[in-house]
């Protein structure tokens, strides 16, 4: 991926991926996260000294993130820091929620954490890969979605949306069912697996089986170097901001839905006529099960004082 695509969401990616990096690269990541502004202004020698490592390690750190070198990383950091300042986002959101906190404070913490996670997910999403997935889904004879827990909630919602526009798709929450159906996929089909950690064994096995059968495999995860990502042809990453009572796997739902919604809309664009007809047919089918709005009720002659 080009440097221009990496110029967004660097801080969010580092927060998520730092624990998966080798020790030396973790120290560089920690130094950047401690003071992104200083890192954007520091020379490669200064950053290496702060991290207690070598300039070669800093260069390797940059390339691991997808940058051509340290200069490109500095540009990305400076750009992101500028956007954050302009939008007045706080560098550290107060995420601690105490049992006695009033709901207005809880609302502020939760809303800001989710908003920031969505912004960071949007900034790092690979649009070319989203387009690739959308093209495949639009043309597929079969689309399989798999996820467990909160990730299963996002996968189920995606299946509901795709069904509404005549995409032949199935959501699986049972590993055996998911594996047996993955084995029936073939070239031209699509398998989408969701896992915040990317380390759910069942999800990795499902994508690996689907890939063996020639299907396009897609991982939606917060960790680009996770086992699920390695099993996938396409990896779309999400950002997460934890709060008290909502650990990362639970907090990932909104970011996952953003990525899936983007794919869904891109599919609908590519199947515009089919989608439009499907909306009309499905709306007509359930129309009789809706209460009429007040404006749709026929006016009756009522006493003036009751009108």
Protein backbone atom coordinates (compact mmCIF):
# COMPACT_ATOMS: atom_id res chain seq x y z
CA UNK A 1 0.00 0.00 0.00
CA UNK A 2 1.24 3.48 -0.82
CA UNK A 3 2.42 5.99 1.79
CA UNK A 4 -0.56 8.21 1.02
CA UNK A 5 -2.90 5.41 2.12
CA UNK A 6 -0.90 5.00 5.33
CA UNK A 7 -1.02 8.68 6.19
CA UNK A 8 -4.18 8.23 8.20
CA UNK A 9 -4.99 6.31 11.37
CA UNK A 10 -1.38 5.72 12.39
CA UNK A 11 -1.96 6.26 16.11
CA UNK A 12 -5.03 4.04 16.19
CA UNK A 13 -3.20 1.26 14.37
CA UNK A 14 -0.24 1.50 16.73
CA UNK A 15 -2.46 1.23 19.80
CA UNK A 16 -4.01 -1.95 18.46
CA UNK A 17 -0.93 -3.58 16.93
CA UNK A 18 1.74 -2.70 19.52
CA UNK A 19 1.27 -5.93 21.54
CA UNK A 20 1.79 -8.03 18.40
CA UNK A 21 5.11 -6.42 17.41
CA UNK A 22 8.56 -7.80 18.30
CA UNK A 23 10.08 -6.32 21.47
CA UNK A 24 12.36 -3.82 19.75
CA UNK A 25 9.54 -2.53 17.55
CA UNK A 26 7.23 -2.34 20.57
CA UNK A 27 9.66 0.10 22.17
CA UNK A 28 9.58 2.31 19.09
CA UNK A 29 5.77 2.15 19.06
CA UNK A 30 5.64 3.06 22.76
CA UNK A 31 7.86 6.07 22.17
CA UNK A 32 5.64 7.29 19.32
CA UNK A 33 2.44 6.76 21.32
CA UNK A 34 3.86 8.53 24.37
CA UNK A 35 4.26 11.78 22.42
CA UNK A 36 3.10 11.68 18.77
CA UNK A 37 3.86 15.39 18.31
CA UNK A 38 7.47 14.96 19.44
CA UNK A 39 7.87 11.86 17.25
CA UNK A 40 6.66 13.81 14.22
CA UNK A 41 9.38 16.40 14.81
CA UNK A 42 12.21 14.12 15.92
CA UNK A 43 14.99 12.87 13.68
CA UNK A 44 15.40 9.14 13.22
CA UNK A 45 18.44 9.23 15.53
CA UNK A 46 16.46 11.02 18.27
CA UNK A 47 13.57 8.56 18.05
CA UNK A 48 15.97 5.61 18.15
CA UNK A 49 17.63 7.02 21.29
CA UNK A 50 14.26 7.59 23.01
CA UNK A 51 13.24 4.01 22.23
CA UNK A 52 16.60 2.60 23.30
CA UNK A 53 17.19 1.00 19.92
CA UNK A 54 18.96 1.58 16.61
CA UNK A 55 18.09 3.61 13.54
CA UNK A 56 17.88 0.35 11.58
CA UNK A 57 15.18 -0.84 13.95
CA UNK A 58 13.24 2.40 13.47
CA UNK A 59 13.44 1.91 9.70
CA UNK A 60 12.21 -1.67 10.10
CA UNK A 61 9.39 -0.36 12.29
CA UNK A 62 8.34 2.05 9.53
CA UNK A 63 8.36 -0.66 6.87
CA UNK A 64 6.39 -3.00 9.11
CA UNK A 65 3.67 -0.35 9.18
CA UNK A 66 3.80 -0.08 5.39
CA UNK A 67 5.82 3.14 5.04
CA UNK A 68 8.73 3.48 2.66
CA UNK A 69 10.85 5.03 5.41
CA UNK A 70 11.01 7.31 8.42
CA UNK A 71 10.28 10.49 6.49
CA UNK A 72 6.95 9.05 5.33
CA UNK A 73 6.05 8.09 8.91
CA UNK A 74 6.81 11.62 10.13
CA UNK A 75 4.56 13.10 7.45
CA UNK A 76 1.76 10.73 8.46
CA UNK A 77 2.15 11.59 12.15
CA UNK A 78 2.24 15.33 11.49
CA UNK A 79 -0.83 15.10 9.28
CA UNK A 80 -2.78 13.09 11.84
CA UNK A 81 -1.74 15.35 14.71
CA UNK A 82 -2.90 18.37 12.71
CA UNK A 83 -6.30 16.83 12.00
CA UNK A 84 -6.72 15.87 15.63
CA UNK A 85 -5.94 19.38 16.80
CA UNK A 86 -8.30 20.92 14.26
CA UNK A 87 -11.11 18.60 15.30
CA UNK A 88 -10.26 19.21 18.97
CA UNK A 89 -10.06 15.56 19.76
CA UNK A 90 -8.37 14.82 23.07
CA UNK A 91 -5.29 12.64 22.83
CA UNK A 92 -6.37 10.58 25.84
CA UNK A 93 -10.07 10.04 26.41
CA UNK A 94 -11.00 9.53 30.04
CA UNK A 95 -12.31 5.98 29.81
CA UNK A 96 -12.81 5.13 33.47
CA UNK A 97 -16.46 4.82 34.49
CA UNK A 98 -17.11 4.56 38.21
CA UNK A 99 -20.20 2.82 39.67
CA UNK A 100 -21.59 6.12 40.95
CA UNK A 101 -20.96 8.21 37.81
CA UNK A 102 -24.00 10.14 36.49
CA UNK A 103 -25.38 9.03 33.15
CA UNK A 104 -24.42 12.27 31.41
CA UNK A 105 -20.75 11.51 32.09
CA UNK A 106 -21.18 7.88 31.04
CA UNK A 107 -22.83 9.01 27.82
CA UNK A 108 -19.98 11.43 27.08
CA UNK A 109 -17.29 8.77 27.62
CA UNK A 110 -19.06 6.09 25.59
CA UNK A 111 -20.03 8.42 22.74
CA UNK A 112 -16.53 9.87 22.42
CA UNK A 113 -14.86 6.46 22.54
CA UNK A 114 -17.15 5.08 19.84
CA UNK A 115 -16.88 8.21 17.70
CA UNK A 116 -13.12 8.11 17.80
CA UNK A 117 -13.00 4.40 17.00
CA UNK A 118 -15.24 4.96 13.99
CA UNK A 119 -13.11 7.90 12.81
CA UNK A 120 -9.91 5.89 13.11
CA UNK A 121 -11.48 2.91 11.33
CA UNK A 122 -12.63 5.17 8.50
CA UNK A 123 -9.18 6.71 8.20
CA UNK A 124 -7.39 3.38 7.85
CA UNK A 125 -9.84 1.45 5.67
CA UNK A 126 -8.38 0.27 2.37
CA UNK A 127 -10.96 1.43 -0.18
CA UNK A 128 -9.39 -0.51 -3.03
CA UNK A 129 -9.83 -3.73 -1.06
CA UNK A 130 -13.39 -2.78 -0.12
CA UNK A 131 -14.11 -2.34 -3.82
CA UNK A 132 -12.58 -5.74 -4.55
CA UNK A 133 -14.79 -7.40 -1.94
CA UNK A 134 -17.91 -5.57 -3.15
CA UNK A 135 -17.31 -6.70 -6.73
CA UNK A 136 -16.92 -10.29 -5.58
CA UNK A 137 -20.00 -10.22 -3.33
CA UNK A 138 -22.14 -8.65 -6.06
CA UNK A 139 -21.24 -11.46 -8.47
CA UNK A 140 -21.06 -14.38 -6.02
CA UNK A 141 -23.33 -17.42 -6.14
CA UNK A 142 -22.81 -17.86 -2.42
CA UNK A 143 -21.58 -15.64 0.43
CA UNK A 144 -20.82 -17.14 3.85
CA UNK A 145 -20.43 -14.98 6.98
CA UNK A 146 -19.02 -16.25 10.26
CA UNK A 147 -18.52 -14.68 13.68
CA UNK A 148 -18.88 -15.54 17.34
CA UNK A 149 -20.13 -13.39 20.20
CA UNK A 150 -20.28 -9.68 19.43
CA UNK A 151 -18.63 -10.30 16.05
CA UNK A 152 -21.49 -12.66 15.28
CA UNK A 153 -23.93 -9.81 15.88
CA UNK A 154 -22.20 -7.74 13.18
CA UNK A 155 -22.07 -10.71 10.79
CA UNK A 156 -25.77 -11.43 11.31
CA UNK A 157 -26.65 -7.79 10.54
CA UNK A 158 -24.60 -7.94 7.34
CA UNK A 159 -26.41 -11.09 6.24
CA UNK A 160 -29.76 -9.40 6.86
CA UNK A 161 -28.77 -6.45 4.69
CA UNK A 162 -27.39 -8.53 1.85
CA UNK A 163 -30.46 -10.79 1.82
CA UNK A 164 -32.61 -7.69 1.39
CA UNK A 165 -30.88 -6.90 -1.91
CA UNK A 166 -30.98 -10.46 -3.27
CA UNK A 167 -27.44 -11.53 -2.44
CA UNK A 168 -27.43 -15.29 -1.68
CA UNK A 169 -25.79 -15.27 1.73
CA UNK A 170 -25.82 -17.16 5.01
CA UNK A 171 -24.68 -16.29 8.53
CA UNK A 172 -23.15 -19.09 10.58
CA UNK A 173 -22.57 -18.96 14.33
CA UNK A 174 -21.93 -22.69 14.71
CA UNK A 175 -18.39 -23.78 13.86
CA UNK A 176 -19.36 -27.18 12.43
CA UNK A 177 -22.04 -25.67 10.20
CA UNK A 178 -19.64 -22.95 9.10
CA UNK A 179 -16.90 -25.44 8.25
CA UNK A 180 -19.15 -27.83 6.31
CA UNK A 181 -20.59 -24.97 4.27
CA UNK A 182 -17.15 -23.47 3.71
CA UNK A 183 -16.16 -26.81 2.21
CA UNK A 184 -18.95 -26.40 -0.37
CA UNK A 185 -17.71 -23.04 -1.61
CA UNK A 186 -15.92 -22.70 -4.91
CA UNK A 187 -14.19 -20.12 -7.07
CA UNK A 188 -16.32 -16.99 -7.34
CA UNK A 189 -17.86 -17.42 -3.86
CA UNK A 190 -16.99 -15.28 -0.84
CA UNK A 191 -16.36 -16.08 2.83
CA UNK A 192 -16.24 -13.25 5.38
CA UNK A 193 -14.98 -13.89 8.91
CA UNK A 194 -15.18 -11.44 11.80
CA UNK A 195 -13.03 -11.48 14.92
CA UNK A 196 -11.71 -8.52 16.90
CA UNK A 197 -8.57 -10.40 17.97
CA UNK A 198 -8.23 -12.39 14.76
CA UNK A 199 -7.27 -15.32 16.96
CA UNK A 200 -10.58 -17.16 17.20
CA UNK A 201 -9.60 -20.67 16.15
CA UNK A 202 -12.96 -21.46 14.55
CA UNK A 203 -12.87 -18.31 12.41
CA UNK A 204 -9.37 -19.06 11.17
CA UNK A 205 -10.34 -22.64 10.28
CA UNK A 206 -13.45 -21.49 8.37
CA UNK A 207 -11.50 -19.01 6.24
CA UNK A 208 -8.71 -21.52 5.63
CA UNK A 209 -11.24 -24.10 4.42
CA UNK A 210 -13.00 -21.58 2.19
CA UNK A 211 -9.69 -20.46 0.73
CA UNK A 212 -8.72 -24.06 -0.04
CA UNK A 213 -11.92 -24.33 -2.07
CA UNK A 214 -11.03 -21.27 -4.16
CA UNK A 215 -13.40 -18.74 -2.55
CA UNK A 216 -12.33 -15.17 -1.87
CA UNK A 217 -11.73 -14.94 1.89
CA UNK A 218 -12.14 -11.71 3.85
CA UNK A 219 -11.08 -11.04 7.46
CA UNK A 220 -12.53 -8.13 9.43
CA UNK A 221 -10.27 -7.79 12.47
CA UNK A 222 -8.42 -5.23 14.56
CA UNK A 223 -5.08 -6.97 14.05
CA UNK A 224 -3.54 -6.98 10.58
CA UNK A 225 -0.94 -9.63 11.50
CA UNK A 226 -3.30 -12.04 13.26
CA UNK A 227 -3.83 -15.70 12.27
CA UNK A 228 -7.20 -14.82 10.72
CA UNK A 229 -5.58 -12.12 8.60
CA UNK A 230 -2.98 -14.62 7.42
CA UNK A 231 -5.77 -17.01 6.37
CA UNK A 232 -7.55 -14.33 4.34
CA UNK A 233 -7.05 -12.95 0.85
CA UNK A 234 -8.29 -9.54 2.04
CA UNK A 235 -7.94 -8.04 5.51
CA UNK A 236 -9.98 -5.00 6.57
CA UNK A 237 -8.91 -3.60 9.93
CA UNK A 238 -10.98 -1.91 12.61
CA UNK A 239 -10.03 0.44 15.45
CA UNK A 240 -11.29 0.06 19.02
CA UNK A 241 -11.41 2.27 22.11
CA UNK A 242 -12.22 0.41 25.30
CA UNK A 243 -14.20 1.86 28.19
CA UNK A 244 -14.99 0.43 31.60
CA UNK A 245 -17.44 -2.49 31.25
CA UNK A 246 -16.84 -2.58 27.46
CA UNK A 247 -13.64 -4.44 26.72
CA UNK A 248 -12.16 -4.43 23.23
CA UNK A 249 -14.14 -7.38 21.86
CA UNK A 250 -17.40 -5.67 22.88
CA UNK A 251 -16.33 -2.19 21.83
CA UNK A 252 -15.37 -3.40 18.35
CA UNK A 253 -18.99 -3.79 17.19
CA UNK A 254 -19.49 -0.24 15.86
CA UNK A 255 -16.25 -0.30 13.88
CA UNK A 256 -17.07 -3.69 12.42
CA UNK A 257 -20.50 -2.45 11.37
CA UNK A 258 -18.91 0.56 9.67
CA UNK A 259 -16.68 -1.66 7.51
CA UNK A 260 -19.52 -4.05 6.69
CA UNK A 261 -21.91 -1.19 5.93
CA UNK A 262 -19.37 0.25 3.51
CA UNK A 263 -19.18 -3.10 1.71
CA UNK A 264 -22.98 -3.35 1.65
CA UNK A 265 -23.44 0.10 0.11
CA UNK A 266 -20.70 -0.61 -2.43
CA UNK A 267 -22.51 -3.85 -3.39
CA UNK A 268 -25.82 -1.96 -3.70
CA UNK A 269 -24.15 0.57 -6.00
CA UNK A 270 -22.94 -2.22 -8.25
CA UNK A 271 -26.37 -3.88 -8.37
CA UNK A 272 -28.43 -0.72 -8.53
CA UNK A 273 -31.35 -1.96 -10.64
CA UNK A 274 -31.62 -5.27 -8.80
CA UNK A 275 -31.36 -3.52 -5.45
CA UNK A 276 -33.96 -0.89 -6.26
CA UNK A 277 -36.43 -3.55 -7.38
CA UNK A 278 -35.75 -5.59 -4.24
CA UNK A 279 -36.45 -2.60 -2.00
CA UNK A 280 -39.75 -1.95 -3.76
CA UNK A 281 -40.86 -5.59 -3.52
CA UNK A 282 -39.89 -6.04 0.12
CA UNK A 283 -41.44 -2.73 1.18
CA UNK A 284 -44.69 -3.73 -0.51
CA UNK A 285 -44.65 -7.15 1.16
CA UNK A 286 -44.58 -5.75 4.71
CA UNK A 287 -46.64 -2.62 4.11
CA UNK A 288 -49.84 -4.17 5.47
CA UNK A 289 -48.09 -4.92 8.76
CA UNK A 290 -47.40 -1.27 9.55
CA UNK A 291 -49.72 1.07 11.41
CA UNK A 292 -50.68 3.99 9.23
CA UNK A 293 -49.18 7.36 10.13
CA UNK A 294 -51.55 9.94 11.57
CA UNK A 295 -51.49 11.88 8.30
CA UNK A 296 -52.68 8.77 6.44
CA UNK A 297 -55.85 8.30 8.49
CA UNK A 298 -59.00 9.61 6.76
CA UNK A 299 -60.34 12.73 8.42
CA UNK A 300 -63.56 12.23 10.30
CA UNK A 301 -66.19 14.74 11.18
CA UNK A 302 -65.51 15.48 14.81
CA UNK A 303 -66.93 18.13 17.09
CA UNK A 304 -64.98 21.35 16.70
CA UNK A 305 -63.76 21.34 20.31
CA UNK A 306 -62.17 17.90 19.76
CA UNK A 307 -60.27 18.90 16.62
